[in-house]
Amino acid sequence: MLRTNKAGWTLGILALTTVVSTPSIQACSVPVFRYALEHWPADPYQAVVFHRGPLSDAQELLVRDLGREGMSGRLHANVSPRTIDLDQKVAPDILEFWRRLGTDTVPWLVLRYPLAVRSPDNIWSGPLSESAIRQVVESPARKEIARRLGQGESAVWVLLEIGDPKKDRAAGELLESRLAYLASVLQLPKLDAQDIVNGLVSVTQKDLKLEFSSLRLSRKDEAEQAFVRMLLGIEADLKEIEEPMVFPIFGRGRALYALAGKGINHQTIDEAASFLIGSCSCQVKEQNPGVDLLLAANWDAVLKTPAGAARDLPPLADLPETAPVTVTISGGEETQPSSATEGARQRGPTGKIPLLAGLALVGLMTAGSLLLFKRRS
């Protein structure tokens, strides 16, 4: 019992320490979009090559192009290859997966989401070839997104057009006008000098910019088919929605979520923008909304100040006390989002939820330790 009682006191002390330290650990003055750019490596996509028997030298080179030593590595694409020889002993679930592809052609390339996404869907598949690898790894739209994010833009808002000129034009005009308005009224949080000292951000306040841009993408663009399918697969029901969609993309190519149809309105755009330029309340990528996309970019190289490089640190007297930044957004009558079944998409940031859950757990641990002590005494 003495051991149990000591354990209770240990948990109690740990819990109290966590209560005191958690806010300082979670608090961060760096905007979400900038923290993601500097500290959230993109999850690797799975490139699976099915074949029968040994690969030829030419085929081996193609597989190599999917890895670090080939084209993907040179382009710094977040993709990881895997080969499966169907003539060898293969697990039943993989054989079933191959059967569902509905082809006898080998070698056959299949692009899948990162394991962290837990999606059963394939993004793209086709015969293994240089053009197929190029289609999977990069595209003009993804190059442009990576370029803009690398230049420090807060987010690139991709409008995936449906092919209806009236609907596409209306969605594009609403998005562009609202982004221009938000850029004029939103304010970036003031960087805490201590966060600069601690290496949480590699730029100073004057180099941090609030900038949004939009990019239109046709669903019928042959060069973008892998990218279009990638976007439509980040949520389970997007493929069934026949409406224009908007995807805010930030960091190293992370799609926040989708807005579709009537869900493209002032309220949902404001919420997404405010989250992206707000202080990063939870620094763990997996506890924030979003799905990493497959982009080819050397993110470490495009950062203004590489990790580990010397910084001009502010004097200690200039270290400010951080305070929450409150911004009032107005600008016209809001369109209320419709239900999900009507094609509206609205998501809220979840970064603060882990902090609240953690504090609740800490409270329970503290109460339990005190109860053990009371019973013992």
Protein backbone atom coordinates (compact mmCIF):
# COMPACT_ATOMS: atom_id res chain seq x y z
CA MET A 1 0.00 0.00 0.00
CA LEU A 2 2.91 2.31 0.71
CA ARG A 3 4.05 1.79 -2.89
CA THR A 4 0.55 2.60 -4.15
CA ASN A 5 0.43 5.71 -2.00
CA LYS A 6 3.82 6.90 -3.33
CA ALA A 7 2.60 6.27 -6.84
CA GLY A 8 -0.47 8.36 -6.10
CA TRP A 9 1.68 11.23 -4.83
CA THR A 10 3.95 10.91 -7.87
CA LEU A 11 0.96 11.14 -10.21
CA GLY A 12 -0.34 14.09 -8.22
CA ILE A 13 2.96 15.97 -8.47
CA LEU A 14 3.22 15.14 -12.20
CA ALA A 15 -0.35 16.29 -12.75
CA LEU A 16 0.19 19.59 -10.94
CA THR A 17 3.41 20.15 -12.87
CA THR A 18 1.57 19.48 -16.12
CA VAL A 19 -1.19 21.92 -15.19
CA VAL A 20 1.38 24.62 -14.59
CA SER A 21 3.52 23.86 -17.63
CA THR A 22 0.94 22.89 -20.28
CA PRO A 23 -0.17 26.42 -21.23
CA SER A 24 3.41 27.53 -21.79
CA ILE A 25 4.14 24.42 -23.85
CA GLN A 26 1.01 24.83 -25.98
CA ALA A 27 1.19 28.61 -26.33
CA CYS A 28 2.95 29.80 -29.47
CA SER A 29 2.81 33.20 -31.13
CA VAL A 30 3.74 31.82 -34.57
CA PRO A 31 0.80 31.74 -37.02
CA VAL A 32 -0.43 28.28 -37.95
CA PHE A 33 0.54 28.66 -41.62
CA ARG A 34 4.12 29.66 -40.80
CA TYR A 35 4.60 27.07 -38.07
CA ALA A 36 3.37 24.39 -40.48
CA LEU A 37 5.79 25.57 -43.18
CA GLU A 38 8.77 25.38 -40.87
CA HIS A 39 8.00 22.38 -38.65
CA TRP A 40 5.50 19.98 -40.26
CA PRO A 41 7.14 17.62 -42.79
CA ALA A 42 4.61 16.27 -45.26
CA ASP A 43 3.57 12.62 -44.83
CA PRO A 44 4.84 10.32 -47.61
CA TYR A 45 2.38 8.97 -50.17
CA GLN A 46 2.54 5.28 -51.09
CA ALA A 47 3.56 4.34 -54.62
CA VAL A 48 2.93 0.59 -55.00
CA VAL A 49 4.27 -1.25 -58.04
CA PHE A 50 2.78 -4.68 -58.77
CA HIS A 51 4.81 -6.98 -61.01
CA ARG A 52 5.38 -10.66 -61.82
CA GLY A 53 8.89 -12.05 -61.64
CA PRO A 54 12.08 -10.00 -61.76
CA LEU A 55 11.86 -6.47 -63.10
CA SER A 56 13.90 -5.58 -66.17
CA ASP A 57 16.72 -3.06 -65.86
CA ALA A 58 14.52 -0.36 -67.42
CA GLN A 59 11.70 -1.14 -65.00
CA GLU A 60 14.11 -1.10 -62.07
CA LEU A 61 15.15 2.41 -63.09
CA LEU A 62 11.52 3.50 -63.18
CA VAL A 63 10.93 2.15 -59.68
CA ARG A 64 14.10 3.91 -58.60
CA ASP A 65 12.63 7.17 -59.92
CA LEU A 66 9.89 6.84 -57.31
CA GLY A 67 12.43 6.82 -54.48
CA ARG A 68 15.02 9.11 -52.95
CA GLU A 69 17.74 8.13 -55.43
CA GLY A 70 15.65 8.92 -58.50
CA MET A 71 13.39 11.62 -59.90
CA SER A 72 11.24 11.87 -56.77
CA GLY A 73 14.29 12.36 -54.61
CA ARG A 74 15.72 15.06 -56.87
CA LEU A 75 12.37 16.87 -56.84
CA HIS A 76 11.97 16.33 -53.08
CA ALA A 77 8.54 14.75 -53.52
CA ASN A 78 6.93 13.17 -50.45
CA VAL A 79 6.40 9.70 -51.91
CA SER A 80 7.70 6.29 -50.90
CA PRO A 81 7.82 3.30 -53.31
CA ARG A 82 7.02 -0.34 -52.64
CA THR A 83 7.21 -3.29 -55.02
CA ILE A 84 5.06 -6.42 -54.80
CA ASP A 85 5.95 -9.52 -56.82
CA LEU A 86 2.69 -11.36 -57.43
CA ASP A 87 4.62 -14.55 -58.30
CA GLN A 88 5.91 -14.72 -54.73
CA LYS A 89 3.95 -15.54 -51.60
CA VAL A 90 1.63 -12.58 -51.07
CA ALA A 91 -0.72 -11.90 -48.18
CA PRO A 92 -4.42 -12.57 -48.94
CA ASP A 93 -5.44 -8.96 -48.35
CA ILE A 94 -2.87 -7.75 -50.90
CA LEU A 95 -4.08 -10.32 -53.45
CA GLU A 96 -7.62 -9.10 -52.91
CA PHE A 97 -6.42 -5.54 -53.34
CA TRP A 98 -4.80 -6.52 -56.65
CA ARG A 99 -7.95 -8.31 -57.79
CA ARG A 100 -10.05 -5.20 -57.16
CA LEU A 101 -7.79 -3.19 -59.47
CA GLY A 102 -9.29 -5.14 -62.35
CA THR A 103 -6.22 -5.41 -64.55
CA ASP A 104 -3.70 -8.03 -65.63
CA THR A 105 -1.15 -5.49 -66.87
CA VAL A 106 2.19 -5.49 -65.08
CA PRO A 107 4.12 -3.62 -63.88
CA TRP A 108 1.19 -1.57 -62.56
CA LEU A 109 1.59 1.58 -60.49
CA VAL A 110 -0.89 2.53 -57.76
CA LEU A 111 -0.76 5.80 -55.83
CA ARG A 112 -2.25 5.74 -52.32
CA TYR A 113 -2.64 8.22 -49.49
CA PRO A 114 -0.17 8.31 -46.58
CA LEU A 115 -0.76 5.69 -43.91
CA ALA A 116 -1.72 8.45 -41.47
CA VAL A 117 -4.79 9.29 -43.59
CA ARG A 118 -6.19 5.75 -43.21
CA SER A 119 -7.99 5.93 -46.54
CA PRO A 120 -8.86 2.70 -48.39
CA ASP A 121 -9.11 4.54 -51.70
CA ASN A 122 -6.55 4.62 -54.47
CA ILE A 123 -5.79 8.02 -55.94
CA TRP A 124 -4.47 6.99 -59.32
CA SER A 125 -3.31 3.82 -61.07
CA GLY A 126 -1.90 2.87 -64.46
CA PRO A 127 0.94 1.09 -66.25
CA LEU A 128 4.39 1.90 -64.87
CA SER A 129 6.05 4.44 -67.14
CA GLU A 130 8.06 7.65 -66.96
CA SER A 131 5.01 9.73 -67.87
CA ALA A 132 2.95 7.99 -65.19
CA ILE A 133 5.58 8.73 -62.56
CA ARG A 134 5.71 12.36 -63.68
CA GLN A 135 1.91 12.59 -63.44
CA VAL A 136 1.98 11.19 -59.93
CA VAL A 137 4.88 13.24 -58.59
CA GLU A 138 4.23 16.73 -59.96
CA SER A 139 1.94 18.89 -62.06
CA PRO A 140 1.78 22.56 -63.13
CA ALA A 141 -0.77 23.48 -60.46
CA ARG A 142 1.19 21.80 -57.68
CA LYS A 143 4.39 23.50 -58.83
CA GLU A 144 2.66 26.87 -58.63
CA ILE A 145 1.21 26.14 -55.17
CA ALA A 146 4.63 25.12 -53.88
CA ARG A 147 6.18 28.26 -55.37
CA ARG A 148 3.67 30.56 -53.69
CA LEU A 149 3.87 28.84 -50.32
CA GLY A 150 7.65 28.88 -50.51
CA GLN A 151 7.53 32.63 -51.02
CA GLY A 152 5.70 32.98 -47.72
CA GLU A 153 2.04 33.20 -48.75
CA SER A 154 -0.30 32.38 -45.89
CA ALA A 155 -2.41 30.02 -48.01
CA VAL A 156 -3.28 29.20 -51.60
CA TRP A 157 -7.03 28.69 -52.03
CA VAL A 158 -7.58 26.17 -54.82
CA LEU A 159 -10.96 26.47 -56.55
CA LEU A 160 -11.80 23.12 -58.12
CA GLU A 161 -14.21 23.99 -60.91
CA ILE A 162 -17.18 21.79 -61.78
CA GLY A 163 -17.42 22.82 -65.44
CA ASP A 164 -20.56 24.94 -65.00
CA PRO A 165 -19.48 28.46 -66.09
CA LYS A 166 -22.12 30.22 -63.99
CA LYS A 167 -21.40 28.33 -60.77
CA ASP A 168 -17.63 28.41 -61.26
CA ARG A 169 -17.65 32.16 -61.93
CA ALA A 170 -19.84 32.89 -58.90
CA ALA A 171 -17.66 30.81 -56.58
CA GLY A 172 -14.47 32.37 -57.95
CA GLU A 173 -15.72 35.95 -57.61
CA LEU A 174 -16.96 35.36 -54.06
CA LEU A 175 -13.70 33.74 -53.02
CA GLU A 176 -11.44 36.38 -54.55
CA SER A 177 -13.42 39.34 -53.19
CA ARG A 178 -13.57 37.88 -49.70
CA LEU A 179 -9.87 37.03 -49.62
CA ALA A 180 -9.03 40.57 -50.69
CA TYR A 181 -11.25 41.93 -47.91
CA LEU A 182 -9.75 39.64 -45.27
CA ALA A 183 -6.23 40.61 -46.26
CA SER A 184 -7.18 44.22 -45.48
CA VAL A 185 -8.73 43.61 -42.03
CA LEU A 186 -7.05 40.56 -40.50
CA GLN A 187 -3.92 41.02 -38.41
CA LEU A 188 -1.11 38.57 -37.82
CA PRO A 189 -0.30 37.80 -34.19
CA LYS A 190 2.69 39.64 -32.76
CA LEU A 191 5.63 37.27 -32.67
CA ASP A 192 6.96 36.62 -29.20
CA ALA A 193 10.68 37.34 -29.30
CA GLN A 194 11.24 34.28 -27.13
CA ASP A 195 9.71 32.11 -29.88
CA ILE A 196 12.31 33.49 -32.26
CA VAL A 197 15.06 32.76 -29.73
CA ASN A 198 13.74 29.22 -29.29
CA GLY A 199 13.77 28.58 -33.04
CA LEU A 200 9.99 28.29 -33.49
CA VAL A 201 10.14 30.70 -36.41
CA SER A 202 13.00 31.68 -38.71
CA VAL A 203 11.71 35.11 -39.77
CA THR A 204 11.12 38.34 -37.91
CA GLN A 205 7.83 40.20 -37.68
CA LYS A 206 8.64 42.44 -40.67
CA ASP A 207 9.33 39.40 -42.87
CA LEU A 208 6.10 37.64 -41.88
CA LYS A 209 3.34 38.49 -44.32
CA LEU A 210 -0.38 37.97 -44.49
CA GLU A 211 -1.16 37.08 -48.08
CA PHE A 212 -3.85 34.92 -49.65
CA SER A 213 -4.18 33.95 -53.30
CA SER A 214 -6.54 31.78 -55.30
CA LEU A 215 -5.84 29.26 -58.05
CA ARG A 216 -8.46 27.81 -60.37
CA LEU A 217 -8.24 24.15 -61.32
CA SER A 218 -10.36 22.36 -63.91
CA ARG A 219 -11.48 18.84 -63.13
CA LYS A 220 -10.95 17.98 -66.79
CA ASP A 221 -7.30 19.09 -67.01
CA GLU A 222 -5.42 15.99 -68.15
CA ALA A 223 -2.15 17.15 -66.60
CA GLU A 224 -3.83 17.49 -63.20
CA GLN A 225 -5.80 14.26 -62.95
CA ALA A 226 -3.75 12.80 -60.11
CA PHE A 227 -3.97 16.09 -58.22
CA VAL A 228 -7.74 16.42 -58.80
CA ARG A 229 -8.33 12.89 -57.52
CA MET A 230 -6.03 13.58 -54.58
CA LEU A 231 -8.14 16.58 -53.53
CA LEU A 232 -11.44 14.75 -54.00
CA GLY A 233 -10.24 11.92 -51.77
CA ILE A 234 -9.27 13.89 -48.66
CA GLU A 235 -12.83 13.47 -47.38
CA ALA A 236 -15.03 10.45 -47.95
CA ASP A 237 -18.00 12.05 -49.71
CA LEU A 238 -16.43 14.72 -51.91
CA LYS A 239 -16.57 12.62 -55.09
CA GLU A 240 -20.37 12.62 -54.91
CA ILE A 241 -20.74 16.40 -54.65
CA GLU A 242 -21.31 18.03 -58.05
CA GLU A 243 -20.46 21.57 -56.97
CA PRO A 244 -17.42 23.88 -57.11
CA MET A 245 -15.05 23.28 -54.19
CA VAL A 246 -12.44 25.36 -52.41
CA PHE A 247 -9.40 23.87 -50.65
CA PRO A 248 -7.24 26.18 -48.49
CA ILE A 249 -3.67 24.85 -48.81
CA PHE A 250 -0.92 25.96 -46.42
CA GLY A 251 2.36 24.91 -44.83
CA ARG A 252 4.19 22.34 -46.96
CA GLY A 253 1.14 21.54 -49.03
CA ARG A 254 -1.47 20.66 -46.41
CA ALA A 255 -5.13 20.94 -47.45
CA LEU A 256 -7.10 22.25 -44.48
CA TYR A 257 -10.48 20.87 -45.61
CA ALA A 258 -13.02 21.35 -48.41
CA LEU A 259 -15.70 23.99 -48.83
CA ALA A 260 -18.30 23.05 -51.45
CA GLY A 261 -21.35 24.59 -53.06
CA LYS A 262 -23.22 26.83 -50.65
CA GLY A 263 -20.50 26.11 -48.11
CA ILE A 264 -18.33 28.56 -50.03
CA ASN A 265 -19.49 31.67 -48.19
CA HIS A 266 -18.17 34.52 -46.07
CA GLN A 267 -18.53 32.66 -42.80
CA THR A 268 -16.62 29.52 -43.78
CA ILE A 269 -13.91 31.45 -45.62
CA ASP A 270 -13.47 33.75 -42.61
CA GLU A 271 -13.20 30.82 -40.20
CA ALA A 272 -10.57 29.04 -42.29
CA ALA A 273 -8.55 32.23 -42.83
CA SER A 274 -8.69 33.20 -39.16
CA PHE A 275 -7.48 29.74 -38.14
CA LEU A 276 -4.58 29.78 -40.58
CA ILE A 277 -3.23 33.19 -39.55
CA GLY A 278 -3.99 32.72 -35.84
CA SER A 279 -1.42 31.68 -33.23
CA CYS A 280 -0.58 27.98 -33.34
CA SER A 281 -2.31 26.72 -30.20
CA CYS A 282 -1.29 23.08 -30.71
CA GLN A 283 2.06 22.37 -32.33
CA VAL A 284 1.42 18.66 -33.07
CA LYS A 285 0.47 18.29 -36.74
CA GLU A 286 -1.71 15.21 -36.24
CA GLN A 287 -3.89 17.08 -33.75
CA ASN A 288 -4.70 19.79 -36.28
CA PRO A 289 -7.12 19.54 -39.20
CA GLY A 290 -5.83 18.83 -42.67
CA VAL A 291 -4.37 16.25 -45.06
CA ASP A 292 -0.91 16.52 -46.61
CA LEU A 293 -0.82 16.58 -50.41
CA LEU A 294 1.88 15.15 -52.65
CA LEU A 295 3.99 18.12 -53.73
CA ALA A 296 7.52 18.23 -55.12
CA ALA A 297 9.43 20.96 -53.27
CA ASN A 298 12.60 21.34 -51.24
CA TRP A 299 10.91 23.07 -48.32
CA ASP A 300 14.02 23.38 -46.19
CA ALA A 301 15.79 25.22 -48.99
CA VAL A 302 12.98 27.71 -49.62
CA LEU A 303 12.79 28.86 -46.02
CA LYS A 304 14.24 32.31 -45.61
CA THR A 305 16.55 31.23 -42.77
CA PRO A 306 17.52 27.52 -42.80
CA ALA A 307 17.12 25.59 -39.58
CA GLY A 308 20.14 25.99 -37.33
CA ALA A 309 21.41 29.16 -39.01
CA ALA A 310 22.32 32.14 -36.88
CA ARG A 311 19.49 34.57 -36.17
CA ASP A 312 19.54 38.20 -35.15
CA LEU A 313 18.10 37.70 -31.70
CA PRO A 314 16.23 40.56 -30.01
CA PRO A 315 17.53 41.99 -26.75
CA LEU A 316 15.95 40.57 -23.62
CA ALA A 317 14.38 43.92 -22.82
CA ASP A 318 12.35 43.63 -26.00
CA LEU A 319 10.70 40.33 -25.05
CA PRO A 320 6.99 41.18 -24.98
CA GLU A 321 4.20 39.64 -22.99
CA THR A 322 2.03 37.83 -25.46
CA ALA A 323 -1.66 38.58 -25.49
CA PRO A 324 -4.46 37.15 -27.61
CA VAL A 325 -5.21 39.02 -30.81
CA THR A 326 -8.90 39.70 -31.37
CA VAL A 327 -10.10 40.70 -34.81
CA THR A 328 -13.65 41.71 -35.68
CA ILE A 329 -14.60 40.72 -39.19
CA SER A 330 -17.52 42.35 -40.95
CA GLY A 331 -18.20 43.16 -44.55
CA GLY A 332 -21.69 42.37 -45.65
CA GLU A 333 -24.46 39.94 -45.02
CA GLU A 334 -23.33 36.39 -44.43
CA THR A 335 -24.61 33.41 -46.36
CA GLN A 336 -25.50 30.67 -43.89
CA PRO A 337 -24.02 27.29 -44.84
CA SER A 338 -26.50 24.59 -45.76
CA SER A 339 -26.42 21.00 -44.51
CA ALA A 340 -23.78 18.56 -45.68
CA THR A 341 -26.35 16.74 -47.81
CA GLU A 342 -26.88 19.96 -49.78
CA GLY A 343 -23.21 20.14 -50.63
CA ALA A 344 -22.07 22.56 -47.94
CA ARG A 345 -18.79 21.89 -46.21
CA GLN A 346 -17.89 23.58 -42.96
CA ARG A 347 -15.13 22.52 -40.61
CA GLY A 348 -13.72 24.13 -37.49
CA PRO A 349 -10.14 24.10 -36.21
CA THR A 350 -9.47 21.43 -33.60
CA GLY A 351 -6.06 22.49 -32.34
CA LYS A 352 -7.32 23.56 -28.88
CA ILE A 353 -9.24 20.38 -28.20
CA PRO A 354 -6.17 18.33 -27.11
CA LEU A 355 -5.26 21.05 -24.59
CA LEU A 356 -8.73 20.98 -23.00
CA ALA A 357 -8.78 17.19 -22.95
CA GLY A 358 -5.33 17.13 -21.40
CA LEU A 359 -6.34 19.52 -18.64
CA ALA A 360 -9.43 17.43 -17.92
CA LEU A 361 -7.30 14.29 -17.67
CA VAL A 362 -4.84 16.05 -15.39
CA GLY A 363 -7.71 17.08 -13.11
CA LEU A 364 -8.89 13.48 -12.85
CA MET A 365 -5.35 12.27 -12.06
CA THR A 366 -4.94 14.87 -9.35
CA ALA A 367 -8.30 14.01 -7.80
CA GLY A 368 -7.42 10.31 -7.84
CA SER A 369 -4.12 10.85 -6.08
CA LEU A 370 -5.72 12.98 -3.38
CA LEU A 371 -8.39 10.31 -2.86
CA LEU A 372 -5.72 7.63 -2.41
CA PHE A 373 -3.96 9.77 0.16
CA LYS A 374 -7.21 10.45 2.05
CA ARG A 375 -8.04 6.76 2.19
CA ARG A 376 -4.55 5.91 3.41
CA SER A 377 -4.57 8.54 6.15
